[in-house]
């Protein structure tokens, strides 16, 4: 009887769009320049429900800064790191 080997390959993909609502700025916590996204746009980008998004924002893992117009901006690098941590958990 011949031996059979089953190989399963699992992949993840992440598609990012650069939109008009994003801007580049220096993130103090990343210590470098990063793409910044308006807090209001996070739910659309992350596809999270409101409760989960509030948990992420309040966790302290998302780096934030105040935009010139007074809006809250979130560092895309910290958002991607949070997504990676969530997938490995």
N, C-alpha and C. Protein backbone atom coordinates (compact mmCIF):
# COMPACT_ATOMS: atom_id res chain seq x y z
N UNK A 1 0.84 -1.18 0.00
CA UNK A 1 0.00 0.00 0.00
C UNK A 1 0.89 1.24 0.00
N UNK A 2 0.61 2.18 -0.91
CA UNK A 2 1.41 3.40 -1.06
C UNK A 2 1.06 4.40 0.04
N UNK A 3 2.09 5.11 0.50
CA UNK A 3 1.87 6.15 1.51
C UNK A 3 1.39 7.42 0.83
N UNK A 4 0.50 8.12 1.50
CA UNK A 4 0.01 9.40 0.99
C UNK A 4 0.41 10.50 1.95
N UNK A 5 0.79 11.62 1.38
CA UNK A 5 1.13 12.79 2.17
C UNK A 5 0.19 13.92 1.78
N UNK A 6 -0.42 14.51 2.76
CA UNK A 6 -1.32 15.63 2.51
C UNK A 6 -0.62 16.91 2.93
N UNK A 7 -0.54 17.87 2.02
CA UNK A 7 0.10 19.16 2.30
C UNK A 7 -0.97 20.24 2.21
N UNK A 8 -1.08 21.02 3.27
CA UNK A 8 -2.04 22.12 3.30
C UNK A 8 -1.26 23.43 3.38
N UNK A 9 -1.57 24.33 2.49
CA UNK A 9 -0.92 25.64 2.47
C UNK A 9 -1.97 26.69 2.81
N UNK A 10 -1.70 27.47 3.85
CA UNK A 10 -2.60 28.53 4.26
C UNK A 10 -1.91 29.86 4.01
N UNK A 11 -2.60 30.77 3.36
CA UNK A 11 -2.03 32.08 3.09
C UNK A 11 -2.97 33.16 3.57
N UNK A 12 -2.41 34.31 3.88
CA UNK A 12 -3.17 35.50 4.23
C UNK A 12 -2.75 36.60 3.29
N UNK A 13 -3.65 37.47 2.99
CA UNK A 13 -3.28 38.61 2.16
C UNK A 13 -3.90 39.87 2.76
N UNK A 14 -3.27 40.96 2.48
CA UNK A 14 -3.72 42.25 2.97
C UNK A 14 -3.59 43.24 1.83
N UNK A 15 -4.67 43.90 1.49
CA UNK A 15 -4.70 44.85 0.40
C UNK A 15 -4.88 46.23 0.98
N UNK A 16 -3.97 47.12 0.66
CA UNK A 16 -4.04 48.49 1.16
C UNK A 16 -4.25 49.44 0.00
N UNK A 17 -5.15 50.38 0.21
CA UNK A 17 -5.39 51.42 -0.77
C UNK A 17 -4.91 52.73 -0.18
N UNK A 18 -4.23 53.50 -0.97
CA UNK A 18 -3.85 54.84 -0.52
C UNK A 18 -4.94 55.79 -1.00
N UNK A 19 -5.56 56.44 -0.08
CA UNK A 19 -6.66 57.32 -0.43
C UNK A 19 -6.34 58.77 -0.12
N UNK A 20 -7.30 59.59 -0.41
CA UNK A 20 -7.12 61.02 -0.15
C UNK A 20 -7.12 61.34 1.34
N UNK A 21 -7.70 60.44 2.13
CA UNK A 21 -7.81 60.73 3.57
C UNK A 21 -6.55 60.37 4.34
N UNK A 22 -5.55 59.80 3.67
CA UNK A 22 -4.32 59.44 4.37
C UNK A 22 -3.26 60.51 4.14
N UNK A 23 -2.33 60.57 5.08
CA UNK A 23 -1.24 61.54 4.99
C UNK A 23 0.00 60.93 5.61
N UNK A 24 1.15 61.44 5.26
CA UNK A 24 2.39 60.96 5.86
C UNK A 24 2.80 61.94 6.95
N UNK A 25 3.22 61.38 8.08
CA UNK A 25 3.65 62.21 9.20
C UNK A 25 4.64 61.42 10.05
N UNK A 26 5.32 62.09 10.92
CA UNK A 26 6.27 61.43 11.81
C UNK A 26 5.52 60.89 13.02
N UNK A 27 5.64 59.58 13.22
CA UNK A 27 5.03 58.94 14.38
C UNK A 27 6.09 58.92 15.49
N UNK A 28 5.77 59.53 16.62
CA UNK A 28 6.73 59.60 17.73
C UNK A 28 7.03 58.22 18.30
N UNK A 29 6.03 57.34 18.32
CA UNK A 29 6.22 56.02 18.92
C UNK A 29 6.96 55.06 17.99
N UNK A 30 6.74 55.17 16.68
CA UNK A 30 7.47 54.34 15.71
C UNK A 30 8.87 54.91 15.47
N UNK A 31 9.03 56.18 15.82
CA UNK A 31 10.28 56.90 15.61
C UNK A 31 10.64 56.97 14.13
N UNK A 32 9.63 57.24 13.31
CA UNK A 32 9.85 57.36 11.88
C UNK A 32 8.62 57.88 11.18
N UNK A 33 8.77 58.12 9.88
CA UNK A 33 7.65 58.61 9.10
C UNK A 33 6.74 57.44 8.75
N UNK A 34 5.43 57.68 8.83
CA UNK A 34 4.47 56.63 8.57
C UNK A 34 3.23 57.21 7.91
N UNK A 35 2.50 56.36 7.25
CA UNK A 35 1.20 56.75 6.71
C UNK A 35 0.23 56.90 7.88
N UNK A 36 -0.52 57.98 7.91
CA UNK A 36 -1.48 58.23 8.97
C UNK A 36 -2.88 58.24 8.39
N UNK A 37 -3.80 57.63 9.11
CA UNK A 37 -5.17 57.48 8.64
C UNK A 37 -6.11 58.13 9.66
N UNK A 38 -7.10 58.83 9.17
CA UNK A 38 -8.06 59.47 10.06
C UNK A 38 -8.79 58.41 10.88
N UNK A 39 -8.98 58.69 12.15
CA UNK A 39 -9.66 57.76 13.05
C UNK A 39 -11.03 57.36 12.52
N UNK A 40 -11.72 58.29 11.89
CA UNK A 40 -13.06 58.02 11.34
C UNK A 40 -13.02 56.98 10.23
N UNK A 41 -11.87 56.82 9.57
CA UNK A 41 -11.74 55.88 8.45
C UNK A 41 -11.35 54.48 8.89
N UNK A 42 -10.99 54.30 10.15
CA UNK A 42 -10.50 53.00 10.60
C UNK A 42 -11.51 51.88 10.47
N UNK A 43 -12.77 52.16 10.74
CA UNK A 43 -13.77 51.10 10.67
C UNK A 43 -13.89 50.58 9.24
N UNK A 44 -13.82 51.45 8.27
CA UNK A 44 -13.90 51.05 6.87
C UNK A 44 -12.66 50.25 6.49
N UNK A 45 -11.49 50.71 6.90
CA UNK A 45 -10.23 50.06 6.53
C UNK A 45 -10.08 48.72 7.23
N UNK A 46 -10.39 48.66 8.50
CA UNK A 46 -10.14 47.45 9.29
C UNK A 46 -11.27 46.43 9.20
N UNK A 47 -12.45 46.86 8.78
CA UNK A 47 -13.60 45.96 8.69
C UNK A 47 -14.01 45.41 10.05
N UNK A 48 -13.70 46.15 11.11
CA UNK A 48 -14.07 45.75 12.47
C UNK A 48 -15.42 46.35 12.84
N UNK A 49 -16.12 45.67 13.75
CA UNK A 49 -17.34 46.29 14.26
C UNK A 49 -16.94 47.40 15.24
N UNK A 50 -17.87 48.25 15.58
CA UNK A 50 -17.58 49.43 16.41
C UNK A 50 -16.97 49.06 17.76
N UNK A 51 -17.49 48.02 18.41
CA UNK A 51 -16.99 47.62 19.73
C UNK A 51 -15.53 47.16 19.64
N UNK A 52 -15.21 46.32 18.67
CA UNK A 52 -13.83 45.84 18.51
C UNK A 52 -12.88 46.98 18.18
N UNK A 53 -13.33 47.89 17.34
CA UNK A 53 -12.50 49.04 16.98
C UNK A 53 -12.21 49.91 18.19
N UNK A 54 -13.20 50.14 19.04
CA UNK A 54 -12.99 50.92 20.26
C UNK A 54 -11.99 50.23 21.18
N UNK A 55 -12.05 48.90 21.26
CA UNK A 55 -11.07 48.16 22.07
C UNK A 55 -9.66 48.37 21.53
N UNK A 56 -9.50 48.29 20.21
CA UNK A 56 -8.18 48.48 19.60
C UNK A 56 -7.66 49.89 19.89
N UNK A 57 -8.50 50.89 19.70
CA UNK A 57 -8.07 52.28 19.89
C UNK A 57 -7.70 52.51 21.35
N UNK A 58 -8.48 51.96 22.28
CA UNK A 58 -8.23 52.16 23.70
C UNK A 58 -7.14 51.25 24.26
N UNK A 59 -6.67 50.29 23.49
CA UNK A 59 -5.65 49.35 23.96
C UNK A 59 -4.28 50.02 24.13
N UNK A 60 -4.08 51.14 23.46
CA UNK A 60 -2.78 51.79 23.51
C UNK A 60 -1.81 51.26 22.48
N UNK A 61 -2.21 50.23 21.74
CA UNK A 61 -1.33 49.65 20.72
C UNK A 61 -1.34 50.45 19.42
N UNK A 62 -2.39 51.23 19.20
CA UNK A 62 -2.46 52.07 18.00
C UNK A 62 -1.86 53.43 18.34
N UNK A 63 -0.90 53.84 17.54
CA UNK A 63 -0.24 55.13 17.75
C UNK A 63 -1.11 56.22 17.15
N UNK A 64 -1.34 57.28 17.93
CA UNK A 64 -2.21 58.37 17.49
C UNK A 64 -1.50 59.70 17.60
N UNK A 65 -1.95 60.63 16.77
CA UNK A 65 -1.50 62.02 16.89
C UNK A 65 -2.61 62.93 16.42
N UNK A 66 -2.49 64.20 16.79
CA UNK A 66 -3.50 65.20 16.43
C UNK A 66 -3.10 65.82 15.10
N UNK A 67 -4.02 65.81 14.13
CA UNK A 67 -3.77 66.42 12.82
C UNK A 67 -3.84 67.93 12.91
N UNK A 68 -3.37 68.59 11.87
CA UNK A 68 -3.39 70.06 11.84
C UNK A 68 -4.81 70.61 11.93
N UNK A 69 -5.78 69.84 11.41
CA UNK A 69 -7.16 70.29 11.43
C UNK A 69 -7.89 69.88 12.72
N UNK A 70 -7.16 69.28 13.66
CA UNK A 70 -7.74 68.87 14.93
C UNK A 70 -8.25 67.43 14.95
N UNK A 71 -8.21 66.76 13.81
CA UNK A 71 -8.68 65.38 13.75
C UNK A 71 -7.64 64.44 14.35
N UNK A 72 -8.09 63.27 14.78
CA UNK A 72 -7.18 62.26 15.32
C UNK A 72 -6.72 61.36 14.19
N UNK A 73 -5.41 61.18 14.07
CA UNK A 73 -4.82 60.33 13.04
C UNK A 73 -4.19 59.11 13.70
N UNK A 74 -4.29 57.97 13.03
CA UNK A 74 -3.74 56.71 13.54
C UNK A 74 -2.63 56.26 12.61
N UNK A 75 -1.54 55.81 13.18
CA UNK A 75 -0.37 55.34 12.45
C UNK A 75 -0.69 53.99 11.79
N UNK A 76 -0.52 53.91 10.48
CA UNK A 76 -0.80 52.68 9.74
C UNK A 76 0.14 51.55 10.17
N UNK A 77 1.38 51.85 10.48
CA UNK A 77 2.33 50.82 10.93
C UNK A 77 1.84 50.14 12.20
N UNK A 78 1.33 50.93 13.14
CA UNK A 78 0.83 50.34 14.39
C UNK A 78 -0.46 49.55 14.14
N UNK A 79 -1.28 50.01 13.20
CA UNK A 79 -2.50 49.27 12.86
C UNK A 79 -2.14 47.91 12.25
N UNK A 80 -1.18 47.89 11.35
CA UNK A 80 -0.76 46.63 10.73
C UNK A 80 -0.14 45.68 11.76
N UNK A 81 0.64 46.22 12.69
CA UNK A 81 1.22 45.39 13.75
C UNK A 81 0.12 44.79 14.61
N UNK A 82 -0.92 45.56 14.89
CA UNK A 82 -2.05 45.06 15.69
C UNK A 82 -2.79 43.95 14.95
N UNK A 83 -2.95 44.12 13.64
CA UNK A 83 -3.61 43.09 12.82
C UNK A 83 -2.79 41.80 12.85
N UNK A 84 -1.47 41.92 12.70
CA UNK A 84 -0.60 40.73 12.73
C UNK A 84 -0.69 40.03 14.09
N UNK A 85 -0.69 40.80 15.17
CA UNK A 85 -0.78 40.21 16.52
C UNK A 85 -2.10 39.51 16.73
N UNK A 86 -3.17 40.04 16.17
CA UNK A 86 -4.49 39.43 16.31
C UNK A 86 -4.56 38.11 15.56
N UNK A 87 -3.95 38.05 14.38
CA UNK A 87 -4.00 36.82 13.58
C UNK A 87 -3.19 35.69 14.19
N UNK A 88 -2.13 36.02 14.92
CA UNK A 88 -1.29 34.98 15.53
C UNK A 88 -1.85 34.52 16.86
N UNK A 89 -2.77 35.27 17.44
CA UNK A 89 -3.35 34.90 18.74
C UNK A 89 -4.38 33.80 18.59
